[in-house]
């Protein structure tokens, strides 16, 4: 990313309410500084800058909801109807 891109992203994040920072992949990626430079990273390698970790045992339980993805009408059937969009039910960060 160039300096103009970084400034644009920073301004967008500054205008975004905290509860909306995870409202989509673009905002979440920007909020965590994730860019395409991490493409192909091994998410199971704990030494990588981005990786998956097990949830802490004291984390509260939550319900996962599944629905069709949004903004992919170009893909056509059957993809637009597949329930491949996952979210925590009732979470305010989920985009409408």
PDB file of N, CA and C in Angstrom:
ATOM      1  N   UNK A   1       0.823  -1.188   0.000  1.00  0.00           N
ATOM      2  CA  UNK A   1       0.000   0.000   0.000  1.00  0.00           C
ATOM      3  C   UNK A   1       0.862   1.244   0.000  1.00  0.00           C
ATOM      4  N   UNK A   2       0.405   2.223  -0.718  1.00  0.00           N
ATOM      5  CA  UNK A   2       1.114   3.488  -0.739  1.00  0.00           C
ATOM      6  C   UNK A   2       0.646   4.396   0.385  1.00  0.00           C
ATOM      7  N   UNK A   3       1.317   5.534   0.558  1.00  0.00           N
ATOM      8  CA  UNK A   3       0.953   6.464   1.626  1.00  0.00           C
ATOM      9  C   UNK A   3      -0.478   6.987   1.486  1.00  0.00           C
ATOM     10  N   UNK A   4      -0.936   7.200   0.253  1.00  0.00           N
ATOM     11  CA  UNK A   4      -2.311   7.665   0.047  1.00  0.00           C
ATOM     12  C   UNK A   4      -3.309   6.604   0.488  1.00  0.00           C
ATOM     13  N   UNK A   5      -3.013   5.339   0.188  1.00  0.00           N
ATOM     14  CA  UNK A   5      -3.894   4.247   0.599  1.00  0.00           C
ATOM     15  C   UNK A   5      -3.962   4.148   2.112  1.00  0.00           C
ATOM     16  N   UNK A   6      -2.826   4.221   2.764  1.00  0.00           N
ATOM     17  CA  UNK A   6      -2.784   4.123   4.223  1.00  0.00           C
ATOM     18  C   UNK A   6      -3.581   5.255   4.860  1.00  0.00           C
ATOM     19  N   UNK A   7      -3.447   6.468   4.331  1.00  0.00           N
ATOM     20  CA  UNK A   7      -4.188   7.617   4.872  1.00  0.00           C
ATOM     21  C   UNK A   7      -5.684   7.436   4.654  1.00  0.00           C
ATOM     22  N   UNK A   8      -6.074   6.927   3.501  1.00  0.00           N
ATOM     23  CA  UNK A   8      -7.489   6.694   3.204  1.00  0.00           C
ATOM     24  C   UNK A   8      -8.077   5.660   4.150  1.00  0.00           C
ATOM     25  N   UNK A   9      -7.341   4.581   4.383  1.00  0.00           N
ATOM     26  CA  UNK A   9      -7.805   3.521   5.290  1.00  0.00           C
ATOM     27  C   UNK A   9      -7.904   4.048   6.715  1.00  0.00           C
ATOM     28  N   UNK A  10      -6.903   4.800   7.141  1.00  0.00           N
ATOM     29  CA  UNK A  10      -6.908   5.355   8.501  1.00  0.00           C
ATOM     30  C   UNK A  10      -8.097   6.293   8.693  1.00  0.00           C
ATOM     31  N   UNK A  11      -8.399   7.113   7.690  1.00  0.00           N
ATOM     32  CA  UNK A  11      -9.545   8.030   7.777  1.00  0.00           C
ATOM     33  C   UNK A  11     -10.853   7.248   7.838  1.00  0.00           C
ATOM     34  N   UNK A  12     -10.962   6.195   7.067  1.00  0.00           N
ATOM     35  CA  UNK A  12     -12.173   5.372   7.084  1.00  0.00           C
ATOM     36  C   UNK A  12     -12.374   4.740   8.462  1.00  0.00           C
ATOM     37  N   UNK A  13     -11.307   4.220   9.034  1.00  0.00           N
ATOM     38  CA  UNK A  13     -11.405   3.608  10.362  1.00  0.00           C
ATOM     39  C   UNK A  13     -11.769   4.641  11.421  1.00  0.00           C
ATOM     40  N   UNK A  14     -11.254   5.857  11.308  1.00  0.00           N
ATOM     41  CA  UNK A  14     -11.550   6.908  12.274  1.00  0.00           C
ATOM     42  C   UNK A  14     -13.028   7.293  12.244  1.00  0.00           C
ATOM     43  N   UNK A  15     -13.668   7.173  11.069  1.00  0.00           N
ATOM     44  CA  UNK A  15     -15.093   7.502  10.937  1.00  0.00           C
ATOM     45  C   UNK A  15     -16.009   6.354  11.338  1.00  0.00           C
ATOM     46  N   UNK A  16     -15.453   5.190  11.557  1.00  0.00           N
ATOM     47  CA  UNK A  16     -16.255   3.998  11.813  1.00  0.00           C
ATOM     48  C   UNK A  16     -16.433   3.769  13.309  1.00  0.00           C
ATOM     49  N   UNK A  17     -17.692   3.660  13.777  1.00  0.00           N
ATOM     50  CA  UNK A  17     -17.907   3.350  15.192  1.00  0.00           C
ATOM     51  C   UNK A  17     -17.257   2.017  15.553  1.00  0.00           C
ATOM     52  N   UNK A  18     -16.736   1.915  16.765  1.00  0.00           N
ATOM     53  CA  UNK A  18     -16.005   0.723  17.204  1.00  0.00           C
ATOM     54  C   UNK A  18     -16.816  -0.547  16.992  1.00  0.00           C
ATOM     55  N   UNK A  19     -18.108  -0.511  17.310  1.00  0.00           N
ATOM     56  CA  UNK A  19     -18.917  -1.728  17.180  1.00  0.00           C
ATOM     57  C   UNK A  19     -19.114  -2.155  15.731  1.00  0.00           C
ATOM     58  N   UNK A  20     -18.741  -1.316  14.766  1.00  0.00           N
ATOM     59  CA  UNK A  20     -18.891  -1.655  13.352  1.00  0.00           C
ATOM     60  C   UNK A  20     -17.574  -2.110  12.714  1.00  0.00           C
ATOM     61  N   UNK A  21     -16.478  -2.139  13.455  1.00  0.00           N
ATOM     62  CA  UNK A  21     -15.176  -2.474  12.874  1.00  0.00           C
ATOM     63  C   UNK A  21     -15.104  -3.901  12.334  1.00  0.00           C
ATOM     64  N   UNK A  22     -15.976  -4.772  12.798  1.00  0.00           N
ATOM     65  CA  UNK A  22     -15.989  -6.142  12.283  1.00  0.00           C
ATOM     66  C   UNK A  22     -17.195  -6.371  11.380  1.00  0.00           C
ATOM     67  N   UNK A  23     -17.744  -5.309  10.805  1.00  0.00           N
ATOM     68  CA  UNK A  23     -18.975  -5.398  10.015  1.00  0.00           C
ATOM     69  C   UNK A  23     -18.764  -5.957   8.616  1.00  0.00           C
ATOM     70  N   UNK A  24     -17.600  -6.347   8.280  1.00  0.00           N
ATOM     71  CA  UNK A  24     -17.342  -6.932   6.972  1.00  0.00           C
ATOM     72  C   UNK A  24     -15.868  -7.211   6.827  1.00  0.00           C
ATOM     73  N   UNK A  25     -15.509  -7.994   5.832  1.00  0.00           N
ATOM     74  CA  UNK A  25     -14.097  -8.375   5.702  1.00  0.00           C
ATOM     75  C   UNK A  25     -13.157  -7.207   5.450  1.00  0.00           C
ATOM     76  N   UNK A  26     -13.612  -6.193   4.717  1.00  0.00           N
ATOM     77  CA  UNK A  26     -12.749  -5.046   4.448  1.00  0.00           C
ATOM     78  C   UNK A  26     -12.437  -4.249   5.695  1.00  0.00           C
ATOM     79  N   UNK A  27     -13.475  -3.953   6.484  1.00  0.00           N
ATOM     80  CA  UNK A  27     -13.267  -3.202   7.723  1.00  0.00           C
ATOM     81  C   UNK A  27     -12.464  -4.005   8.736  1.00  0.00           C
ATOM     82  N   UNK A  28     -12.793  -5.271   8.892  1.00  0.00           N
ATOM     83  CA  UNK A  28     -12.060  -6.099   9.856  1.00  0.00           C
ATOM     84  C   UNK A  28     -10.590  -6.197   9.455  1.00  0.00           C
ATOM     85  N   UNK A  29     -10.337  -6.423   8.175  1.00  0.00           N
ATOM     86  CA  UNK A  29      -8.957  -6.500   7.701  1.00  0.00           C
ATOM     87  C   UNK A  29      -8.198  -5.206   7.948  1.00  0.00           C
ATOM     88  N   UNK A  30      -8.844  -4.076   7.654  1.00  0.00           N
ATOM     89  CA  UNK A  30      -8.199  -2.777   7.867  1.00  0.00           C
ATOM     90  C   UNK A  30      -7.947  -2.538   9.350  1.00  0.00           C
ATOM     91  N   UNK A  31      -8.925  -2.875  10.196  1.00  0.00           N
ATOM     92  CA  UNK A  31      -8.782  -2.651  11.631  1.00  0.00           C
ATOM     93  C   UNK A  31      -7.632  -3.452  12.222  1.00  0.00           C
ATOM     94  N   UNK A  32      -7.389  -4.636  11.677  1.00  0.00           N
ATOM     95  CA  UNK A  32      -6.315  -5.486  12.189  1.00  0.00           C
ATOM     96  C   UNK A  32      -5.032  -5.366  11.374  1.00  0.00           C
ATOM     97  N   UNK A  33      -5.017  -4.500  10.371  1.00  0.00           N
ATOM     98  CA  UNK A  33      -3.825  -4.326   9.556  1.00  0.00           C
ATOM     99  C   UNK A  33      -3.534  -5.511   8.659  1.00  0.00           C
ATOM    100  N   UNK A  34      -4.580  -6.232   8.281  1.00  0.00           N
ATOM    101  CA  UNK A  34      -4.423  -7.405   7.413  1.00  0.00           C
ATOM    102  C   UNK A  34      -4.552  -6.943   5.970  1.00  0.00           C
ATOM    103  N   UNK A  35      -3.549  -7.236   5.171  1.00  0.00           N
ATOM    104  CA  UNK A  35      -3.613  -6.889   3.759  1.00  0.00           C
ATOM    105  C   UNK A  35      -3.236  -8.105   2.920  1.00  0.00           C
ATOM    106  N   UNK A  36      -3.197  -7.930   1.626  1.00  0.00           N
ATOM    107  CA  UNK A  36      -2.938  -9.057   0.722  1.00  0.00           C
ATOM    108  C   UNK A  36      -1.524  -9.612   0.848  1.00  0.00           C
ATOM    109  N   UNK A  37      -0.662  -8.922   1.554  1.00  0.00           N
ATOM    110  CA  UNK A  37       0.686  -9.429   1.788  1.00  0.00           C
ATOM    111  C   UNK A  37       0.685 -10.696   2.635  1.00  0.00           C
ATOM    112  N   UNK A  38      -0.423 -10.956   3.317  1.00  0.00           N
ATOM    113  CA  UNK A  38      -0.536 -12.158   4.144  1.00  0.00           C
ATOM    114  C   UNK A  38      -1.203 -13.314   3.398  1.00  0.00           C
ATOM    115  N   UNK A  39      -1.544 -13.098   2.136  1.00  0.00           N
ATOM    116  CA  UNK A  39      -2.163 -14.161   1.350  1.00  0.00           C
ATOM    117  C   UNK A  39      -1.266 -15.396   1.341  1.00  0.00           C
ATOM    118  N   UNK A  40      -1.867 -16.544   1.610  1.00  0.00           N
ATOM    119  CA  UNK A  40      -1.119 -17.795   1.615  1.00  0.00           C
ATOM    120  C   UNK A  40      -0.498 -18.135   2.954  1.00  0.00           C
ATOM    121  N   UNK A  41      -0.697 -17.272   3.958  1.00  0.00           N
ATOM    122  CA  UNK A  41      -0.138 -17.553   5.284  1.00  0.00           C
ATOM    123  C   UNK A  41      -0.738 -18.833   5.854  1.00  0.00           C
ATOM    124  N   UNK A  42       0.089 -19.581   6.550  1.00  0.00           N
ATOM    125  CA  UNK A  42      -0.363 -20.798   7.219  1.00  0.00           C
ATOM    126  C   UNK A  42      -1.009 -20.381   8.535  1.00  0.00           C
ATOM    127  N   UNK A  43      -2.330 -20.451   8.591  1.00  0.00           N
ATOM    128  CA  UNK A  43      -3.059 -20.013   9.778  1.00  0.00           C
ATOM    129  C   UNK A  43      -2.888 -20.936  10.966  1.00  0.00           C
ATOM    130  N   UNK A  44      -2.266 -22.086  10.759  1.00  0.00           N
ATOM    131  CA  UNK A  44      -2.028 -23.019  11.858  1.00  0.00           C
ATOM    132  C   UNK A  44      -0.621 -22.908  12.428  1.00  0.00           C
ATOM    133  N   UNK A  45       0.195 -22.042  11.843  1.00  0.00           N
ATOM    134  CA  UNK A  45       1.563 -21.841  12.317  1.00  0.00           C
ATOM    135  C   UNK A  45       1.575 -20.702  13.337  1.00  0.00           C
ATOM    136  N   UNK A  46       1.773 -21.006  14.624  1.00  0.00           N
ATOM    137  CA  UNK A  46       1.710 -19.967  15.653  1.00  0.00           C
ATOM    138  C   UNK A  46       2.809 -18.910  15.530  1.00  0.00           C
ATOM    139  N   UNK A  47       3.811 -19.144  14.713  1.00  0.00           N
ATOM    140  CA  UNK A  47       4.876 -18.170  14.540  1.00  0.00           C
ATOM    141  C   UNK A  47       4.583 -17.162  13.437  1.00  0.00           C
ATOM    142  N   UNK A  48       3.475 -17.356  12.708  1.00  0.00           N
ATOM    143  CA  UNK A  48       3.104 -16.428  11.634  1.00  0.00           C
ATOM    144  C   UNK A  48       2.451 -15.185  12.244  1.00  0.00           C
ATOM    145  N   UNK A  49       2.511 -14.040  11.547  1.00  0.00           N
ATOM    146  CA  UNK A  49       1.923 -12.819  12.113  1.00  0.00           C
ATOM    147  C   UNK A  49       0.400 -12.906  12.280  1.00  0.00           C
ATOM    148  N   UNK A  50      -0.244 -13.760  11.508  1.00  0.00           N
ATOM    149  CA  UNK A  50      -1.676 -13.987  11.680  1.00  0.00           C
ATOM    150  C   UNK A  50      -1.883 -15.495  11.757  1.00  0.00           C
ATOM    151  N   UNK A  51      -2.598 -15.929  12.794  1.00  0.00           N
ATOM    152  CA  UNK A  51      -2.828 -17.367  12.972  1.00  0.00           C
ATOM    153  C   UNK A  51      -4.063 -17.580  13.843  1.00  0.00           C
ATOM    154  N   UNK A  52      -4.587 -18.771  13.811  1.00  0.00           N
ATOM    155  CA  UNK A  52      -5.745 -19.135  14.609  1.00  0.00           C
ATOM    156  C   UNK A  52      -5.299 -19.651  15.965  1.00  0.00           C
ATOM    157  N   UNK A  53      -6.098 -19.373  16.965  1.00  0.00           N
ATOM    158  CA  UNK A  53      -5.839 -19.884  18.310  1.00  0.00           C
ATOM    159  C   UNK A  53      -7.131 -20.455  18.866  1.00  0.00           C
ATOM    160  N   UNK A  54      -6.999 -21.401  19.754  1.00  0.00           N
ATOM    161  CA  UNK A  54      -8.173 -21.969  20.416  1.00  0.00           C
ATOM    162  C   UNK A  54      -8.794 -20.909  21.319  1.00  0.00           C
ATOM    163  N   UNK A  55     -10.112 -20.961  21.458  1.00  0.00           N
ATOM    164  CA  UNK A  55     -10.798 -20.027  22.351  1.00  0.00           C
ATOM    165  C   UNK A  55     -10.414 -20.322  23.792  1.00  0.00           C
ATOM    166  N   UNK A  56     -10.377 -19.288  24.579  1.00  0.00           N
ATOM    167  CA  UNK A  56     -10.111 -19.461  26.009  1.00  0.00           C
ATOM    168  C   UNK A  56     -11.276 -20.215  26.635  1.00  0.00           C
ATOM    169  N   UNK A  57     -11.000 -21.031  27.621  1.00  0.00           N
ATOM    170  CA  UNK A  57     -12.044 -21.855  28.225  1.00  0.00           C
ATOM    171  C   UNK A  57     -13.087 -21.027  28.969  1.00  0.00           C
ATOM    172  N   UNK A  58     -12.775 -19.775  29.306  1.00  0.00           N
ATOM    173  CA  UNK A  58     -13.730 -18.941  30.030  1.00  0.00           C
ATOM    174  C   UNK A  58     -14.554 -18.039  29.109  1.00  0.00           C
ATOM    175  N   UNK A  59     -14.417 -18.222  27.799  1.00  0.00           N
ATOM    176  CA  UNK A  59     -15.203 -17.437  26.851  1.00  0.00           C
ATOM    177  C   UNK A  59     -16.672 -17.830  26.947  1.00  0.00           C
ATOM    178  N   UNK A  60     -17.587 -16.853  26.927  1.00  0.00           N
ATOM    179  CA  UNK A  60     -19.011 -17.202  26.978  1.00  0.00           C
ATOM    180  C   UNK A  60     -19.447 -17.884  25.683  1.00  0.00           C
ATOM    181  N   UNK A  61     -20.417 -18.776  25.800  1.00  0.00           N
ATOM    182  CA  UNK A  61     -20.953 -19.464  24.624  1.00  0.00           C
ATOM    183  C   UNK A  61     -21.774 -18.477  23.798  1.00  0.00           C
ATOM    184  N   UNK A  62     -21.846 -18.700  22.505  1.00  0.00           N
ATOM    185  CA  UNK A  62     -22.674 -17.867  21.637  1.00  0.00           C
ATOM    186  C   UNK A  62     -23.237 -18.717  20.520  1.00  0.00           C
ATOM    187  N   UNK A  63     -24.299 -18.220  19.919  1.00  0.00           N
ATOM    188  CA  UNK A  63     -24.963 -18.933  18.828  1.00  0.00           C
ATOM    189  C   UNK A  63     -24.444 -18.407  17.490  1.00  0.00           C
ATOM    190  N   UNK A  64     -24.112 -19.322  16.608  1.00  0.00           N
ATOM    191  CA  UNK A  64     -23.672 -18.958  15.256  1.00  0.00           C
ATOM    192  C   UNK A  64     -24.872 -19.039  14.330  1.00  0.00           C
ATOM    193  N   UNK A  65     -25.069 -18.012  13.533  1.00  0.00           N
ATOM    194  CA  UNK A  65     -26.122 -18.048  12.528  1.00  0.00           C
ATOM    195  C   UNK A  65     -25.482 -18.115  11.151  1.00  0.00           C
ATOM    196  N   UNK A  66     -26.155 -18.751  10.238  1.00  0.00           N
ATOM    197  CA  UNK A  66     -25.678 -18.859   8.858  1.00  0.00           C
ATOM    198  C   UNK A  66     -26.742 -18.270   7.939  1.00  0.00           C
ATOM    199  N   UNK A  67     -26.294 -17.555   6.927  1.00  0.00           N
ATOM    200  CA  UNK A  67     -27.202 -16.966   5.953  1.00  0.00           C
ATOM    201  C   UNK A  67     -26.473 -16.860   4.619  1.00  0.00           C
ATOM    202  N   UNK A  68     -27.214 -16.577   3.540  1.00  0.00           N
ATOM    203  CA  UNK A  68     -26.529 -16.394   2.251  1.00  0.00           C
ATOM    204  C   UNK A  68     -25.614 -15.170   2.304  1.00  0.00           C
ATOM    205  N   UNK A  69     -24.524 -15.215   1.561  1.00  0.00           N
ATOM    206  CA  UNK A  69     -23.607 -14.076   1.498  1.00  0.00           C
ATOM    207  C   UNK A  69     -24.283 -12.921   0.784  1.00  0.00           C
ATOM    208  N   UNK A  70     -23.816 -11.714   1.050  1.00  0.00           N
ATOM    209  CA  UNK A  70     -24.373 -10.534   0.404  1.00  0.00           C
ATOM    210  C   UNK A  70     -23.365  -9.988  -0.597  1.00  0.00           C
ATOM    211  N   UNK A  71     -23.865  -9.290  -1.598  1.00  0.00           N
ATOM    212  CA  UNK A  71     -22.999  -8.640  -2.579  1.00  0.00           C
ATOM    213  C   UNK A  71     -22.341  -9.581  -3.571  1.00  0.00           C
ATOM    214  N   UNK A  72     -22.917 -10.757  -3.782  1.00  0.00           N
ATOM    215  CA  UNK A  72     -22.315 -11.690  -4.742  1.00  0.00           C
ATOM    216  C   UNK A  72     -23.316 -12.100  -5.830  1.00  0.00           C
ATOM    217  N   UNK A  73     -24.266 -11.225  -6.139  1.00  0.00           N
ATOM    218  CA  UNK A  73     -25.269 -11.537  -7.161  1.00  0.00           C
ATOM    219  C   UNK A  73     -24.608 -11.934  -8.485  1.00  0.00           C
ATOM    220  N   UNK A  74     -23.431 -11.406  -8.754  1.00  0.00           N
ATOM    221  CA  UNK A  74     -22.722 -11.718  -9.988  1.00  0.00           C
ATOM    222  C   UNK A  74     -22.397 -13.204 -10.111  1.00  0.00           C
ATOM    223  N   UNK A  75     -22.328 -13.902  -8.979  1.00  0.00           N
ATOM    224  CA  UNK A  75     -21.956 -15.319  -8.981  1.00  0.00           C
ATOM    225  C   UNK A  75     -23.085 -16.206  -9.489  1.00  0.00           C
ATOM    226  N   UNK A  76     -24.329 -15.742  -9.371  1.00  0.00           N
ATOM    227  CA  UNK A  76     -25.481 -16.502  -9.849  1.00  0.00           C
ATOM    228  C   UNK A  76     -25.770 -17.732  -9.008  1.00  0.00           C
ATOM    229  N   UNK A  77     -26.872 -18.415  -9.363  1.00  0.00           N
ATOM    230  CA  UNK A  77     -27.238 -19.623  -8.625  1.00  0.00           C
ATOM    231  C   UNK A  77     -26.226 -20.735  -8.888  1.00  0.00           C
ATOM    232  N   UNK A  78     -26.025 -21.632  -7.988  1.00  0.00           N
ATOM    233  CA  UNK A  78     -26.639 -21.718  -6.668  1.00  0.00           C
ATOM    234  C   UNK A  78     -25.885 -20.919  -5.614  1.00  0.00           C
ATOM    235  N   UNK A  79     -24.781 -20.266  -5.969  1.00  0.00           N
ATOM    236  CA  UNK A  79     -23.877 -19.651  -4.998  1.00  0.00           C
ATOM    237  C   UNK A  79     -24.532 -18.543  -4.187  1.00  0.00           C
ATOM    238  N   UNK A  80     -25.412 -17.756  -4.800  1.00  0.00           N
ATOM    239  CA  UNK A  80     -26.010 -16.642  -4.052  1.00  0.00           C
ATOM    240  C   UNK A  80     -26.926 -17.113  -2.930  1.00  0.00           C
ATOM    241  N   UNK A  81     -27.409 -18.348  -3.000  1.00  0.00           N
ATOM    242  CA  UNK A  81     -28.298 -18.856  -1.967  1.00  0.00           C
ATOM    243  C   UNK A  81     -27.637 -19.730  -0.927  1.00  0.00           C
ATOM    244  N   UNK A  82     -26.356 -20.032  -1.105  1.00  0.00           N
ATOM    245  CA  UNK A  82     -25.666 -20.903  -0.149  1.00  0.00           C
ATOM    246  C   UNK A  82     -25.448 -20.183   1.183  1.00  0.00           C
ATOM    247  N   UNK A  83     -25.696 -20.835   2.305  1.00  0.00           N
ATOM    248  CA  UNK A  83     -25.529 -20.200   3.614  1.00  0.00           C
ATOM    249  C   UNK A  83     -24.072 -20.195   4.067  1.00  0.00           C
ATOM    250  N   UNK A  84     -23.241 -19.417   3.379  1.00  0.00           N
ATOM    251  CA  UNK A  84     -21.810 -19.379   3.665  1.00  0.00           C
ATOM    252  C   UNK A  84     -21.393 -18.074   4.326  1.00  0.00           C
ATOM    253  N   UNK A  85     -22.328 -17.414   4.949  1.00  0.00           N
ATOM    254  CA  UNK A  85     -22.044 -16.193   5.710  1.00  0.00           C
ATOM    255  C   UNK A  85     -22.342 -16.525   7.162  1.00  0.00           C
ATOM    256  N   UNK A  86     -21.334 -16.463   7.996  1.00  0.00           N
ATOM    257  CA  UNK A  86     -21.481 -16.868   9.389  1.00  0.00           C
ATOM    258  C   UNK A  86     -21.283 -15.673  10.306  1.00  0.00           C
ATOM    259  N   UNK A  87     -22.085 -15.620  11.358  1.00  0.00           N
ATOM    260  CA  UNK A  87     -21.996 -14.508  12.299  1.00  0.00           C
ATOM    261  C   UNK A  87     -22.480 -14.953  13.670  1.00  0.00           C
ATOM    262  N   UNK A  88     -22.105 -14.204  14.670  1.00  0.00           N
ATOM    263  CA  UNK A  88     -22.627 -14.433  16.019  1.00  0.00           C
ATOM    264  C   UNK A  88     -24.028 -13.832  16.056  1.00  0.00           C
ATOM    265  N   UNK A  89     -25.009 -14.634  16.382  1.00  0.00           N
ATOM    266  CA  UNK A  89     -26.406 -14.170  16.392  1.00  0.00           C
ATOM    267  C   UNK A  89     -26.565 -12.966  17.313  1.00  0.00           C
ATOM    268  N   UNK A  90     -27.200 -11.923  16.786  1.00  0.00           N
ATOM    269  CA  UNK A  90     -27.492 -10.734  17.567  1.00  0.00           C
ATOM    270  C   UNK A  90     -26.335  -9.779  17.774  1.00  0.00           C
ATOM    271  N   UNK A  91     -25.175 -10.072  17.216  1.00  0.00           N
ATOM    272  CA  UNK A  91     -24.006  -9.209  17.403  1.00  0.00           C
ATOM    273  C   UNK A  91     -24.182  -7.914  16.626  1.00  0.00           C
ATOM    274  N   UNK A  92     -23.898  -6.771  17.257  1.00  0.00           N
ATOM    275  CA  UNK A  92     -24.076  -5.470  16.613  1.00  0.00           C
ATOM    276  C   UNK A  92     -23.061  -5.219  15.509  1.00  0.00           C
ATOM    277  N   UNK A  93     -22.010  -5.992  15.435  1.00  0.00           N
ATOM    278  CA  UNK A  93     -20.986  -5.783  14.413  1.00  0.00           C
ATOM    279  C   UNK A  93     -21.353  -6.398  13.071  1.00  0.00           C
ATOM    280  N   UNK A  94     -22.401  -7.177  13.030  1.00  0.00           N
ATOM    281  CA  UNK A  94     -22.779  -7.845  11.785  1.00  0.00           C
ATOM    282  C   UNK A  94     -23.439  -6.837  10.853  1.00  0.00           C
ATOM    283  N   UNK A  95     -22.943  -6.767   9.609  1.00  0.00           N
ATOM    284  CA  UNK A  95     -23.549  -5.855   8.647  1.00  0.00           C
ATOM    285  C   UNK A  95     -24.941  -6.344   8.287  1.00  0.00           C
ATOM    286  N   UNK A  96     -25.776  -5.440   7.901  1.00  0.00           N
ATOM    287  CA  UNK A  96     -27.172  -5.781   7.607  1.00  0.00           C
ATOM    288  C   UNK A  96     -27.265  -6.489   6.298  1.00  0.00           C
TER     289      UNK A  96
END
